[in-house]
Amino acid sequence: MIGHHRLYNWFRYQDPHTQSYTLSELSPNFDYVGDQRISYNVARNRLKKAVTEYYRSLEFLKSYKTLNETGFQKILKKFDKIAGWKASDLYTQTIKKHHWASTTDLDFIIKETEVRHAVSER
């Protein structure tokens, strides 16, 4: 829920002195509704930036997953070489049983994000 809270705070800022919500970091050239709602274009641009940042974080997570898998394989290869016996196949099967190594959820989320972003750009 932290991400949701940060995103909400990005759109609105609570003034600590008055405890009222005001617009933050927006140019005074925008037209606002009387209750200080941000314009559609400003909200759209901020949402676009937030989705882009979300997508980048998913790509970083995917890279981290790949790095972990590669690291395990290199460690096992080194172990096989030093120990003189082939244990990497056994351990690779054990590693693939773990959710982080076998799941395709991340790929699905990335693909779904791409599809939804493409639809929103129309």
PDB file of N, CA and C in Angstrom:
ATOM      1  N   MET A   1       0.814  -1.199   0.000  1.00  0.00           N
ATOM      2  CA  MET A   1       0.000   0.000   0.000  1.00  0.00           C
ATOM      3  C   MET A   1       0.856   1.261   0.000  1.00  0.00           C
ATOM      4  N   ILE A   2       2.150   1.111   0.232  1.00  0.00           N
ATOM      5  CA  ILE A   2       3.029   2.267   0.255  1.00  0.00           C
ATOM      6  C   ILE A   2       3.042   2.952  -1.102  1.00  0.00           C
ATOM      7  N   GLY A   3       3.095   2.171  -2.182  1.00  0.00           N
ATOM      8  CA  GLY A   3       3.088   2.746  -3.514  1.00  0.00           C
ATOM      9  C   GLY A   3       1.838   3.571  -3.766  1.00  0.00           C
ATOM     10  N   HIS A   4       0.688   3.064  -3.317  1.00  0.00           N
ATOM     11  CA  HIS A   4      -0.572   3.787  -3.467  1.00  0.00           C
ATOM     12  C   HIS A   4      -0.509   5.097  -2.703  1.00  0.00           C
ATOM     13  N   HIS A   5       0.036   5.068  -1.495  1.00  0.00           N
ATOM     14  CA  HIS A   5       0.134   6.263  -0.664  1.00  0.00           C
ATOM     15  C   HIS A   5       1.055   7.293  -1.320  1.00  0.00           C
ATOM     16  N   ARG A   6       2.197   6.838  -1.857  1.00  0.00           N
ATOM     17  CA  ARG A   6       3.120   7.754  -2.519  1.00  0.00           C
ATOM     18  C   ARG A   6       2.481   8.362  -3.753  1.00  0.00           C
ATOM     19  N   LEU A   7       1.748   7.550  -4.514  1.00  0.00           N
ATOM     20  CA  LEU A   7       1.097   8.052  -5.712  1.00  0.00           C
ATOM     21  C   LEU A   7       0.042   9.087  -5.344  1.00  0.00           C
ATOM     22  N   TYR A   8      -0.733   8.803  -4.293  1.00  0.00           N
ATOM     23  CA  TYR A   8      -1.750   9.749  -3.860  1.00  0.00           C
ATOM     24  C   TYR A   8      -1.097  11.059  -3.439  1.00  0.00           C
ATOM     25  N   ASN A   9      -0.001  10.964  -2.693  1.00  0.00           N
ATOM     26  CA  ASN A   9       0.680  12.172  -2.240  1.00  0.00           C
ATOM     27  C   ASN A   9       1.323  12.926  -3.388  1.00  0.00           C
ATOM     28  N   TRP A  10       1.610  12.230  -4.472  1.00  0.00           N
ATOM     29  CA  TRP A  10       2.176  12.903  -5.621  1.00  0.00           C
ATOM     30  C   TRP A  10       1.132  13.813  -6.257  1.00  0.00           C
ATOM     31  N   PHE A  11      -0.120  13.398  -6.224  1.00  0.00           N
ATOM     32  CA  PHE A  11      -1.190  14.207  -6.787  1.00  0.00           C
ATOM     33  C   PHE A  11      -1.625  15.330  -5.853  1.00  0.00           C
ATOM     34  N   ARG A  12      -1.543  15.098  -4.578  1.00  0.00           N
ATOM     35  CA  ARG A  12      -2.021  16.097  -3.618  1.00  0.00           C
ATOM     36  C   ARG A  12      -1.016  16.275  -2.508  1.00  0.00           C
ATOM     37  N   TYR A  13      -0.963  17.431  -1.931  1.00  0.00           N
ATOM     38  CA  TYR A  13      -0.027  17.746  -0.866  1.00  0.00           C
ATOM     39  C   TYR A  13      -0.793  18.365   0.292  1.00  0.00           C
ATOM     40  N   GLN A  14      -0.569  17.833   1.490  1.00  0.00           N
ATOM     41  CA  GLN A  14      -1.244  18.382   2.660  1.00  0.00           C
ATOM     42  C   GLN A  14      -0.315  19.380   3.334  1.00  0.00           C
ATOM     43  N   ASP A  15      -0.756  20.616   3.432  1.00  0.00           N
ATOM     44  CA  ASP A  15       0.019  21.659   4.079  1.00  0.00           C
ATOM     45  C   ASP A  15       0.056  21.378   5.577  1.00  0.00           C
ATOM     46  N   PRO A  16       1.255  21.192   6.175  1.00  0.00           N
ATOM     47  CA  PRO A  16       1.323  20.852   7.598  1.00  0.00           C
ATOM     48  C   PRO A  16       0.844  21.973   8.515  1.00  0.00           C
ATOM     49  N   HIS A  17       0.853  23.214   8.043  1.00  0.00           N
ATOM     50  CA  HIS A  17       0.442  24.333   8.891  1.00  0.00           C
ATOM     51  C   HIS A  17      -1.076  24.475   8.968  1.00  0.00           C
ATOM     52  N   THR A  18      -1.734  24.279   7.841  1.00  0.00           N
ATOM     53  CA  THR A  18      -3.182  24.480   7.821  1.00  0.00           C
ATOM     54  C   THR A  18      -3.954  23.173   7.813  1.00  0.00           C
ATOM     55  N   GLN A  19      -3.266  22.048   7.599  1.00  0.00           N
ATOM     56  CA  GLN A  19      -3.893  20.728   7.494  1.00  0.00           C
ATOM     57  C   GLN A  19      -4.893  20.657   6.341  1.00  0.00           C
ATOM     58  N   SER A  20      -4.771  21.568   5.394  1.00  0.00           N
ATOM     59  CA  SER A  20      -5.662  21.517   4.236  1.00  0.00           C
ATOM     60  C   SER A  20      -4.877  21.032   3.025  1.00  0.00           C
ATOM     61  N   TYR A  21      -5.578  20.481   2.083  1.00  0.00           N
ATOM     62  CA  TYR A  21      -4.933  19.978   0.885  1.00  0.00           C
ATOM     63  C   TYR A  21      -4.831  21.089  -0.142  1.00  0.00           C
ATOM     64  N   THR A  22      -3.657  21.213  -0.720  1.00  0.00           N
ATOM     65  CA  THR A  22      -3.422  22.199  -1.767  1.00  0.00           C
ATOM     66  C   THR A  22      -2.731  21.514  -2.929  1.00  0.00           C
ATOM     67  N   LEU A  23      -2.734  22.173  -4.049  1.00  0.00           N
ATOM     68  CA  LEU A  23      -2.042  21.631  -5.214  1.00  0.00           C
ATOM     69  C   LEU A  23      -0.546  21.842  -5.043  1.00  0.00           C
ATOM     70  N   SER A  24       0.236  20.872  -5.455  1.00  0.00           N
ATOM     71  CA  SER A  24       1.682  20.999  -5.299  1.00  0.00           C
ATOM     72  C   SER A  24       2.380  21.025  -6.645  1.00  0.00           C
ATOM     73  N   GLU A  25       3.381  21.843  -6.745  1.00  0.00           N
ATOM     74  CA  GLU A  25       4.282  21.884  -7.889  1.00  0.00           C
ATOM     75  C   GLU A  25       3.566  22.008  -9.230  1.00  0.00           C
ATOM     76  N   LEU A  26       2.482  22.701  -9.273  1.00  0.00           N
ATOM     77  CA  LEU A  26       1.781  22.897 -10.540  1.00  0.00           C
ATOM     78  C   LEU A  26       1.882  24.357 -10.949  1.00  0.00           C
ATOM     79  N   SER A  27       1.986  24.554 -12.230  1.00  0.00           N
ATOM     80  CA  SER A  27       2.078  25.903 -12.746  1.00  0.00           C
ATOM     81  C   SER A  27       0.766  26.648 -12.510  1.00  0.00           C
ATOM     82  N   PRO A  28       0.828  27.931 -12.174  1.00  0.00           N
ATOM     83  CA  PRO A  28      -0.407  28.708 -11.993  1.00  0.00           C
ATOM     84  C   PRO A  28      -1.130  28.971 -13.308  1.00  0.00           C
ATOM     85  N   ASN A  29      -0.560  28.561 -14.435  1.00  0.00           N
ATOM     86  CA  ASN A  29      -1.187  28.782 -15.734  1.00  0.00           C
ATOM     87  C   ASN A  29      -2.329  27.820 -16.018  1.00  0.00           C
ATOM     88  N   PHE A  30      -2.468  26.774 -15.208  1.00  0.00           N
ATOM     89  CA  PHE A  30      -3.539  25.817 -15.427  1.00  0.00           C
ATOM     90  C   PHE A  30      -4.843  26.353 -14.860  1.00  0.00           C
ATOM     91  N   ASP A  31      -5.931  25.995 -15.529  1.00  0.00           N
ATOM     92  CA  ASP A  31      -7.249  26.356 -15.027  1.00  0.00           C
ATOM     93  C   ASP A  31      -7.711  25.278 -14.065  1.00  0.00           C
ATOM     94  N   TYR A  32      -8.120  25.667 -12.885  1.00  0.00           N
ATOM     95  CA  TYR A  32      -8.589  24.725 -11.885  1.00  0.00           C
ATOM     96  C   TYR A  32     -10.059  24.968 -11.602  1.00  0.00           C
ATOM     97  N   VAL A  33     -10.732  23.935 -11.217  1.00  0.00           N
ATOM     98  CA  VAL A  33     -12.107  24.052 -10.769  1.00  0.00           C
ATOM     99  C   VAL A  33     -12.056  24.719  -9.400  1.00  0.00           C
ATOM    100  N   GLY A  34     -13.130  25.290  -8.955  1.00  0.00           N
ATOM    101  CA  GLY A  34     -13.152  26.034  -7.707  1.00  0.00           C
ATOM    102  C   GLY A  34     -12.621  25.291  -6.497  1.00  0.00           C
ATOM    103  N   ASP A  35     -12.757  23.980  -6.431  1.00  0.00           N
ATOM    104  CA  ASP A  35     -12.289  23.249  -5.253  1.00  0.00           C
ATOM    105  C   ASP A  35     -10.864  22.719  -5.440  1.00  0.00           C
ATOM    106  N   GLN A  36     -10.112  23.335  -6.293  1.00  0.00           N
ATOM    107  CA  GLN A  36      -8.693  23.055  -6.531  1.00  0.00           C
ATOM    108  C   GLN A  36      -8.431  21.669  -7.113  1.00  0.00           C
ATOM    109  N   ARG A  37      -9.301  21.167  -7.903  1.00  0.00           N
ATOM    110  CA  ARG A  37      -9.016  19.920  -8.610  1.00  0.00           C
ATOM    111  C   ARG A  37      -8.014  20.219  -9.715  1.00  0.00           C
ATOM    112  N   ILE A  38      -7.151  19.275  -9.958  1.00  0.00           N
ATOM    113  CA  ILE A  38      -6.187  19.483 -11.025  1.00  0.00           C
ATOM    114  C   ILE A  38      -6.852  19.218 -12.368  1.00  0.00           C
ATOM    115  N   SER A  39      -6.318  19.833 -13.400  1.00  0.00           N
ATOM    116  CA  SER A  39      -6.931  19.685 -14.718  1.00  0.00           C
ATOM    117  C   SER A  39      -6.727  18.269 -15.248  1.00  0.00           C
ATOM    118  N   TYR A  40      -7.525  17.920 -16.212  1.00  0.00           N
ATOM    119  CA  TYR A  40      -7.464  16.591 -16.818  1.00  0.00           C
ATOM    120  C   TYR A  40      -6.083  16.327 -17.407  1.00  0.00           C
ATOM    121  N   ASN A  41      -5.542  17.297 -18.132  1.00  0.00           N
ATOM    122  CA  ASN A  41      -4.236  17.107 -18.770  1.00  0.00           C
ATOM    123  C   ASN A  41      -3.125  16.909 -17.747  1.00  0.00           C
ATOM    124  N   VAL A  42      -3.173  17.643 -16.653  1.00  0.00           N
ATOM    125  CA  VAL A  42      -2.161  17.490 -15.605  1.00  0.00           C
ATOM    126  C   VAL A  42      -2.276  16.103 -14.986  1.00  0.00           C
ATOM    127  N   ALA A  43      -3.494  15.690 -14.685  1.00  0.00           N
ATOM    128  CA  ALA A  43      -3.705  14.364 -14.092  1.00  0.00           C
ATOM    129  C   ALA A  43      -3.267  13.271 -15.062  1.00  0.00           C
ATOM    130  N   ARG A  44      -3.584  13.436 -16.325  1.00  0.00           N
ATOM    131  CA  ARG A  44      -3.199  12.438 -17.332  1.00  0.00           C
ATOM    132  C   ARG A  44      -1.681  12.333 -17.446  1.00  0.00           C
ATOM    133  N   ASN A  45      -1.004  13.470 -17.473  1.00  0.00           N
ATOM    134  CA  ASN A  45       0.458  13.458 -17.561  1.00  0.00           C
ATOM    135  C   ASN A  45       1.090  12.821 -16.328  1.00  0.00           C
ATOM    136  N   ARG A  46       0.558  13.122 -15.172  1.00  0.00           N
ATOM    137  CA  ARG A  46       1.092  12.527 -13.942  1.00  0.00           C
ATOM    138  C   ARG A  46       0.836  11.024 -13.897  1.00  0.00           C
ATOM    139  N   LEU A  47      -0.328  10.623 -14.340  1.00  0.00           N
ATOM    140  CA  LEU A  47      -0.636   9.194 -14.373  1.00  0.00           C
ATOM    141  C   LEU A  47       0.269   8.479 -15.377  1.00  0.00           C
ATOM    142  N   LYS A  48       0.518   9.109 -16.511  1.00  0.00           N
ATOM    143  CA  LYS A  48       1.403   8.529 -17.516  1.00  0.00           C
ATOM    144  C   LYS A  48       2.811   8.341 -16.942  1.00  0.00           C
ATOM    145  N   LYS A  49       3.299   9.337 -16.214  1.00  0.00           N
ATOM    146  CA  LYS A  49       4.618   9.223 -15.581  1.00  0.00           C
ATOM    147  C   LYS A  49       4.626   8.118 -14.531  1.00  0.00           C
ATOM    148  N   ALA A  50       3.553   8.013 -13.770  1.00  0.00           N
ATOM    149  CA  ALA A  50       3.469   6.981 -12.730  1.00  0.00           C
ATOM    150  C   ALA A  50       3.448   5.585 -13.346  1.00  0.00           C
ATOM    151  N   VAL A  51       2.707   5.408 -14.432  1.00  0.00           N
ATOM    152  CA  VAL A  51       2.645   4.105 -15.098  1.00  0.00           C
ATOM    153  C   VAL A  51       4.007   3.757 -15.697  1.00  0.00           C
ATOM    154  N   THR A  52       4.682   4.748 -16.255  1.00  0.00           N
ATOM    155  CA  THR A  52       6.020   4.520 -16.801  1.00  0.00           C
ATOM    156  C   THR A  52       6.983   4.083 -15.707  1.00  0.00           C
ATOM    157  N   GLU A  53       6.925   4.741 -14.569  1.00  0.00           N
ATOM    158  CA  GLU A  53       7.783   4.366 -13.439  1.00  0.00           C
ATOM    159  C   GLU A  53       7.434   2.972 -12.928  1.00  0.00           C
ATOM    160  N   TYR A  54       6.164   2.638 -12.890  1.00  0.00           N
ATOM    161  CA  TYR A  54       5.719   1.304 -12.484  1.00  0.00           C
ATOM    162  C   TYR A  54       6.268   0.251 -13.442  1.00  0.00           C
ATOM    163  N   TYR A  55       6.183   0.531 -14.735  1.00  0.00           N
ATOM    164  CA  TYR A  55       6.686  -0.401 -15.745  1.00  0.00           C
ATOM    165  C   TYR A  55       8.198  -0.586 -15.604  1.00  0.00           C
ATOM    166  N   ARG A  56       8.906   0.507 -15.382  1.00  0.00           N
ATOM    167  CA  ARG A  56      10.361   0.416 -15.184  1.00  0.00           C
ATOM    168  C   ARG A  56      10.691  -0.446 -13.977  1.00  0.00           C
ATOM    169  N   SER A  57       9.934  -0.304 -12.901  1.00  0.00           N
ATOM    170  CA  SER A  57      10.200  -1.113 -11.705  1.00  0.00           C
ATOM    171  C   SER A  57       9.931  -2.594 -11.977  1.00  0.00           C
ATOM    172  N   LEU A  58       8.929  -2.895 -12.794  1.00  0.00           N
ATOM    173  CA  LEU A  58       8.677  -4.289 -13.178  1.00  0.00           C
ATOM    174  C   LEU A  58       9.841  -4.848 -13.994  1.00  0.00           C
ATOM    175  N   GLU A  59      10.370  -4.040 -14.892  1.00  0.00           N
ATOM    176  CA  GLU A  59      11.513  -4.474 -15.696  1.00  0.00           C
ATOM    177  C   GLU A  59      12.747  -4.687 -14.818  1.00  0.00           C
ATOM    178  N   PHE A  60      12.957  -3.820 -13.830  1.00  0.00           N
ATOM    179  CA  PHE A  60      14.069  -4.007 -12.891  1.00  0.00           C
ATOM    180  C   PHE A  60      13.901  -5.303 -12.110  1.00  0.00           C
ATOM    181  N   LEU A  61      12.685  -5.581 -11.682  1.00  0.00           N
ATOM    182  CA  LEU A  61      12.417  -6.813 -10.943  1.00  0.00           C
ATOM    183  C   LEU A  61      12.688  -8.039 -11.818  1.00  0.00           C
ATOM    184  N   LYS A  62      12.298  -7.966 -13.074  1.00  0.00           N
ATOM    185  CA  LYS A  62      12.554  -9.071 -13.998  1.00  0.00           C
ATOM    186  C   LYS A  62      14.063  -9.273 -14.187  1.00  0.00           C
ATOM    187  N   SER A  63      14.799  -8.182 -14.306  1.00  0.00           N
ATOM    188  CA  SER A  63      16.255  -8.275 -14.434  1.00  0.00           C
ATOM    189  C   SER A  63      16.876  -8.879 -13.184  1.00  0.00           C
ATOM    190  N   TYR A  64      16.360  -8.513 -12.024  1.00  0.00           N
ATOM    191  CA  TYR A  64      16.860  -9.051 -10.759  1.00  0.00           C
ATOM    192  C   TYR A  64      16.605 -10.557 -10.683  1.00  0.00           C
ATOM    193  N   LYS A  65      15.445 -10.984 -11.129  1.00  0.00           N
ATOM    194  CA  LYS A  65      15.116 -12.411 -11.143  1.00  0.00           C
ATOM    195  C   LYS A  65      16.086 -13.168 -12.049  1.00  0.00           C
ATOM    196  N   THR A  66      16.340 -12.620 -13.232  1.00  0.00           N
ATOM    197  CA  THR A  66      17.275 -13.243 -14.169  1.00  0.00           C
ATOM    198  C   THR A  66      18.687 -13.278 -13.594  1.00  0.00           C
ATOM    199  N   LEU A  67      19.087 -12.202 -12.943  1.00  0.00           N
ATOM    200  CA  LEU A  67      20.407 -12.144 -12.320  1.00  0.00           C
ATOM    201  C   LEU A  67      20.555 -13.215 -11.244  1.00  0.00           C
ATOM    202  N   ASN A  68      19.519 -13.410 -10.440  1.00  0.00           N
ATOM    203  CA  ASN A  68      19.556 -14.455  -9.414  1.00  0.00           C
ATOM    204  C   ASN A  68      19.685 -15.842 -10.038  1.00  0.00           C
ATOM    205  N   GLU A  69      18.923 -16.101 -11.074  1.00  0.00           N
ATOM    206  CA  GLU A  69      18.995 -17.407 -11.740  1.00  0.00           C
ATOM    207  C   GLU A  69      20.385 -17.642 -12.325  1.00  0.00           C
ATOM    208  N   THR A  70      20.934 -16.625 -12.973  1.00  0.00           N
ATOM    209  CA  THR A  70      22.274 -16.738 -13.547  1.00  0.00           C
ATOM    210  C   THR A  70      23.315 -16.947 -12.454  1.00  0.00           C
ATOM    211  N   GLY A  71      23.158 -16.216 -11.353  1.00  0.00           N
ATOM    212  CA  GLY A  71      24.088 -16.366 -10.233  1.00  0.00           C
ATOM    213  C   GLY A  71      24.091 -17.775  -9.674  1.00  0.00           C
ATOM    214  N   PHE A  72      22.902 -18.342  -9.491  1.00  0.00           N
ATOM    215  CA  PHE A  72      22.817 -19.721  -8.998  1.00  0.00           C
ATOM    216  C   PHE A  72      23.507 -20.688  -9.962  1.00  0.00           C
ATOM    217  N   GLN A  73      23.281 -20.514 -11.251  1.00  0.00           N
ATOM    218  CA  GLN A  73      23.889 -21.414 -12.232  1.00  0.00           C
ATOM    219  C   GLN A  73      25.412 -21.312 -12.215  1.00  0.00           C
ATOM    220  N   LYS A  74      25.939 -20.100 -12.086  1.00  0.00           N
ATOM    221  CA  LYS A  74      27.392 -19.927 -12.051  1.00  0.00           C
ATOM    222  C   LYS A  74      27.992 -20.513 -10.778  1.00  0.00           C
ATOM    223  N   ILE A  75      27.320 -20.314  -9.662  1.00  0.00           N
ATOM    224  CA  ILE A  75      27.794 -20.893  -8.405  1.00  0.00           C
ATOM    225  C   ILE A  75      27.810 -22.414  -8.500  1.00  0.00           C
ATOM    226  N   LEU A  76      26.746 -22.985  -9.040  1.00  0.00           N
ATOM    227  CA  LEU A  76      26.676 -24.444  -9.169  1.00  0.00           C
ATOM    228  C   LEU A  76      27.735 -24.977 -10.132  1.00  0.00           C
ATOM    229  N   LYS A  77      27.987 -24.251 -11.198  1.00  0.00           N
ATOM    230  CA  LYS A  77      29.015 -24.670 -12.151  1.00  0.00           C
ATOM    231  C   LYS A  77      30.388 -24.675 -11.479  1.00  0.00           C
ATOM    232  N   LYS A  78      30.661 -23.626 -10.701  1.00  0.00           N
ATOM    233  CA  LYS A  78      31.926 -23.543  -9.969  1.00  0.00           C
ATOM    234  C   LYS A  78      32.025 -24.676  -8.952  1.00  0.00           C
ATOM    235  N   PHE A  79      30.922 -24.959  -8.275  1.00  0.00           N
ATOM    236  CA  PHE A  79      30.901 -26.052  -7.299  1.00  0.00           C
ATOM    237  C   PHE A  79      31.188 -27.384  -7.978  1.00  0.00           C
ATOM    238  N   ASP A  80      30.561 -27.628  -9.124  1.00  0.00           N
ATOM    239  CA  ASP A  80      30.796 -28.873  -9.871  1.00  0.00           C
ATOM    240  C   ASP A  80      32.274 -29.017 -10.234  1.00  0.00           C
ATOM    241  N   LYS A  81      32.871 -27.919 -10.643  1.00  0.00           N
ATOM    242  CA  LYS A  81      34.272 -27.946 -11.055  1.00  0.00           C
ATOM    243  C   LYS A  81      35.188 -28.247  -9.868  1.00  0.00           C
ATOM    244  N   ILE A  82      34.927 -27.594  -8.728  1.00  0.00           N
ATOM    245  CA  ILE A  82      35.778 -27.774  -7.547  1.00  0.00           C
ATOM    246  C   ILE A  82      35.534 -29.130  -6.892  1.00  0.00           C
ATOM    247  N   ALA A  83      34.277 -29.514  -6.742  1.00  0.00           N
ATOM    248  CA  ALA A  83      33.939 -30.759  -6.046  1.00  0.00           C
ATOM    249  C   ALA A  83      34.193 -31.994  -6.909  1.00  0.00           C
ATOM    250  N   GLY A  84      34.181 -31.813  -8.208  1.00  0.00           N
ATOM    251  CA  GLY A  84      34.446 -32.931  -9.098  1.00  0.00           C
ATOM    252  C   GLY A  84      33.251 -33.840  -9.333  1.00  0.00           C
ATOM    253  N   TRP A  85      32.068 -33.382  -9.006  1.00  0.00           N
ATOM    254  CA  TRP A  85      30.891 -34.183  -9.305  1.00  0.00           C
ATOM    255  C   TRP A  85      29.759 -33.277  -9.764  1.00  0.00           C
ATOM    256  N   LYS A  86      28.824 -33.854 -10.463  1.00  0.00           N
ATOM    257  CA  LYS A  86      27.764 -33.094 -11.132  1.00  0.00           C
ATOM    258  C   LYS A  86      26.545 -32.956 -10.227  1.00  0.00           C
ATOM    259  N   ALA A  87      26.498 -31.881  -9.468  1.00  0.00           N
ATOM    260  CA  ALA A  87      25.368 -31.636  -8.577  1.00  0.00           C
ATOM    261  C   ALA A  87      24.450 -30.547  -9.115  1.00  0.00           C
ATOM    262  N   SER A  88      24.899 -29.848 -10.146  1.00  0.00           N
ATOM    263  CA  SER A  88      24.128 -28.701 -10.628  1.00  0.00           C
ATOM    264  C   SER A  88      22.744 -29.088 -11.137  1.00  0.00           C
ATOM    265  N   ASP A  89      22.617 -30.240 -11.771  1.00  0.00           N
ATOM    266  CA  ASP A  89      21.296 -30.668 -12.261  1.00  0.00           C
ATOM    267  C   ASP A  89      20.314 -30.866 -11.112  1.00  0.00           C
ATOM    268  N   LEU A  90      20.783 -31.505 -10.058  1.00  0.00           N
ATOM    269  CA  LEU A  90      19.939 -31.751  -8.887  1.00  0.00           C
ATOM    270  C   LEU A  90      19.502 -30.437  -8.243  1.00  0.00           C
ATOM    271  N   TYR A  91      20.455 -29.531  -8.036  1.00  0.00           N
ATOM    272  CA  TYR A  91      20.131 -28.263  -7.390  1.00  0.00           C
ATOM    273  C   TYR A  91      19.307 -27.349  -8.295  1.00  0.00           C
ATOM    274  N   THR A  92      19.555 -27.423  -9.591  1.00  0.00           N
ATOM    275  CA  THR A  92      18.758 -26.621 -10.525  1.00  0.00           C
ATOM    276  C   THR A  92      17.294 -27.041 -10.464  1.00  0.00           C
ATOM    277  N   GLN A  93      17.045 -28.340 -10.380  1.00  0.00           N
ATOM    278  CA  GLN A  93      15.664 -28.827 -10.244  1.00  0.00           C
ATOM    279  C   GLN A  93      15.046 -28.345  -8.936  1.00  0.00           C
ATOM    280  N   THR A  94      15.834 -28.337  -7.867  1.00  0.00           N
ATOM    281  CA  THR A  94      15.342 -27.866  -6.567  1.00  0.00           C
ATOM    282  C   THR A  94      15.017 -26.380  -6.620  1.00  0.00           C
ATOM    283  N   ILE A  95      15.877 -25.610  -7.250  1.00  0.00           N
ATOM    284  CA  ILE A  95      15.663 -24.163  -7.356  1.00  0.00           C
ATOM    285  C   ILE A  95      14.404 -23.868  -8.164  1.00  0.00           C
ATOM    286  N   LYS A  96      14.189 -24.620  -9.241  1.00  0.00           N
ATOM    287  CA  LYS A  96      13.023 -24.374 -10.100  1.00  0.00           C
ATOM    288  C   LYS A  96      11.703 -24.696  -9.413  1.00  0.00           C
ATOM    289  N   LYS A  97      11.757 -25.408  -8.299  1.00  0.00           N
ATOM    290  CA  LYS A  97      10.539 -25.694  -7.539  1.00  0.00           C
ATOM    291  C   LYS A  97      10.084 -24.478  -6.735  1.00  0.00           C
ATOM    292  N   HIS A  98      10.989 -23.543  -6.496  1.00  0.00           N
ATOM    293  CA  HIS A  98      10.640 -22.346  -5.734  1.00  0.00           C
ATOM    294  C   HIS A  98       9.831 -21.390  -6.605  1.00  0.00           C
ATOM    295  N   HIS A  99       8.911 -20.709  -5.978  1.00  0.00           N
ATOM    296  CA  HIS A  99       7.990 -19.830  -6.692  1.00  0.00           C
ATOM    297  C   HIS A  99       8.726 -18.734  -7.468  1.00  0.00           C
ATOM    298  N   TRP A 100       9.735 -18.124  -6.857  1.00  0.00           N
ATOM    299  CA  TRP A 100      10.421 -17.001  -7.509  1.00  0.00           C
ATOM    300  C   TRP A 100      11.105 -17.419  -8.803  1.00  0.00           C
ATOM    301  N   ALA A 101      11.492 -18.684  -8.907  1.00  0.00           N
ATOM    302  CA  ALA A 101      12.193 -19.152 -10.104  1.00  0.00           C
ATOM    303  C   ALA A 101      11.244 -19.698 -11.171  1.00  0.00           C
ATOM    304  N   SER A 102      10.084 -20.172 -10.760  1.00  0.00           N
ATOM    305  CA  SER A 102       9.197 -20.846 -11.712  1.00  0.00           C
ATOM    306  C   SER A 102       7.992 -20.020 -12.140  1.00  0.00           C
ATOM    307  N   THR A 103       7.703 -18.962 -11.437  1.00  0.00           N
ATOM    308  CA  THR A 103       6.480 -18.220 -11.724  1.00  0.00           C
ATOM    309  C   THR A 103       6.572 -17.432 -13.032  1.00  0.00           C
ATOM    310  N   THR A 104       5.447 -17.304 -13.674  1.00  0.00           N
ATOM    311  CA  THR A 104       5.343 -16.464 -14.865  1.00  0.00           C
ATOM    312  C   THR A 104       4.453 -15.252 -14.579  1.00  0.00           C
ATOM    313  N   ASP A 105       4.150 -15.046 -13.309  1.00  0.00           N
ATOM    314  CA  ASP A 105       3.291 -13.922 -12.926  1.00  0.00           C
ATOM    315  C   ASP A 105       3.884 -12.588 -13.359  1.00  0.00           C
ATOM    316  N   LEU A 106       5.184 -12.429 -13.173  1.00  0.00           N
ATOM    317  CA  LEU A 106       5.827 -11.169 -13.521  1.00  0.00           C
ATOM    318  C   LEU A 106       5.712 -10.888 -15.018  1.00  0.00           C
ATOM    319  N   ASP A 107       5.945 -11.900 -15.839  1.00  0.00           N
ATOM    320  CA  ASP A 107       5.801 -11.715 -17.289  1.00  0.00           C
ATOM    321  C   ASP A 107       4.366 -11.346 -17.655  1.00  0.00           C
ATOM    322  N   PHE A 108       3.404 -11.971 -16.974  1.00  0.00           N
ATOM    323  CA  PHE A 108       1.995 -11.661 -17.225  1.00  0.00           C
ATOM    324  C   PHE A 108       1.683 -10.211 -16.844  1.00  0.00           C
ATOM    325  N   ILE A 109       2.183  -9.764 -15.700  1.00  0.00           N
ATOM    326  CA  ILE A 109       1.925  -8.391 -15.246  1.00  0.00           C
ATOM    327  C   ILE A 109       2.553  -7.388 -16.210  1.00  0.00           C
ATOM    328  N   ILE A 110       3.764  -7.669 -16.666  1.00  0.00           N
ATOM    329  CA  ILE A 110       4.426  -6.775 -17.617  1.00  0.00           C
ATOM    330  C   ILE A 110       3.624  -6.699 -18.916  1.00  0.00           C
ATOM    331  N   LYS A 111       3.211  -7.842 -19.423  1.00  0.00           N
ATOM    332  CA  LYS A 111       2.431  -7.869 -20.667  1.00  0.00           C
ATOM    333  C   LYS A 111       1.103  -7.131 -20.495  1.00  0.00           C
ATOM    334  N   GLU A 112       0.451  -7.360 -19.371  1.00  0.00           N
ATOM    335  CA  GLU A 112      -0.832  -6.700 -19.096  1.00  0.00           C
ATOM    336  C   GLU A 112      -0.650  -5.184 -18.989  1.00  0.00           C
ATOM    337  N   THR A 113       0.437  -4.748 -18.392  1.00  0.00           N
ATOM    338  CA  THR A 113       0.733  -3.318 -18.295  1.00  0.00           C
ATOM    339  C   THR A 113       0.948  -2.724 -19.680  1.00  0.00           C
ATOM    340  N   GLU A 114       1.661  -3.438 -20.532  1.00  0.00           N
ATOM    341  CA  GLU A 114       1.881  -2.966 -21.902  1.00  0.00           C
ATOM    342  C   GLU A 114       0.565  -2.843 -22.662  1.00  0.00           C
ATOM    343  N   VAL A 115      -0.294  -3.837 -22.514  1.00  0.00           N
ATOM    344  CA  VAL A 115      -1.585  -3.816 -23.208  1.00  0.00           C
ATOM    345  C   VAL A 115      -2.438  -2.650 -22.715  1.00  0.00           C
ATOM    346  N   ARG A 116      -2.518  -2.484 -21.415  1.00  0.00           N
ATOM    347  CA  ARG A 116      -3.341  -1.399 -20.863  1.00  0.00           C
ATOM    348  C   ARG A 116      -2.784  -0.028 -21.229  1.00  0.00           C
ATOM    349  N   HIS A 117      -1.470   0.095 -21.275  1.00  0.00           N
ATOM    350  CA  HIS A 117      -0.862   1.369 -21.664  1.00  0.00           C
ATOM    351  C   HIS A 117      -1.164   1.675 -23.132  1.00  0.00           C
ATOM    352  N   ALA A 118      -1.095   0.645 -23.978  1.00  0.00           N
ATOM    353  CA  ALA A 118      -1.395   0.838 -25.400  1.00  0.00           C
ATOM    354  C   ALA A 118      -2.843   1.277 -25.595  1.00  0.00           C
ATOM    355  N   VAL A 119      -3.751   0.692 -24.827  1.00  0.00           N
ATOM    356  CA  VAL A 119      -5.166   1.060 -24.921  1.00  0.00           C
ATOM    357  C   VAL A 119      -5.371   2.502 -24.462  1.00  0.00           C
ATOM    358  N   SER A 120      -4.676   2.910 -23.415  1.00  0.00           N
ATOM    359  CA  SER A 120      -4.859   4.267 -22.886  1.00  0.00           C
ATOM    360  C   SER A 120      -4.256   5.323 -23.801  1.00  0.00           C
ATOM    361  N   GLU A 121      -3.347   4.937 -24.676  1.00  0.00           N
ATOM    362  CA  GLU A 121      -2.715   5.890 -25.589  1.00  0.00           C
ATOM    363  C   GLU A 121      -3.564   6.181 -26.821  1.00  0.00           C
ATOM    364  N   ARG A 122      -4.604   5.406 -27.029  1.00  0.00           N
ATOM    365  CA  ARG A 122      -5.453   5.626 -28.217  1.00  0.00           C
ATOM    366  C   ARG A 122      -6.263   6.866 -28.100  1.00  0.00           C
TER     367      ARG A 122
END
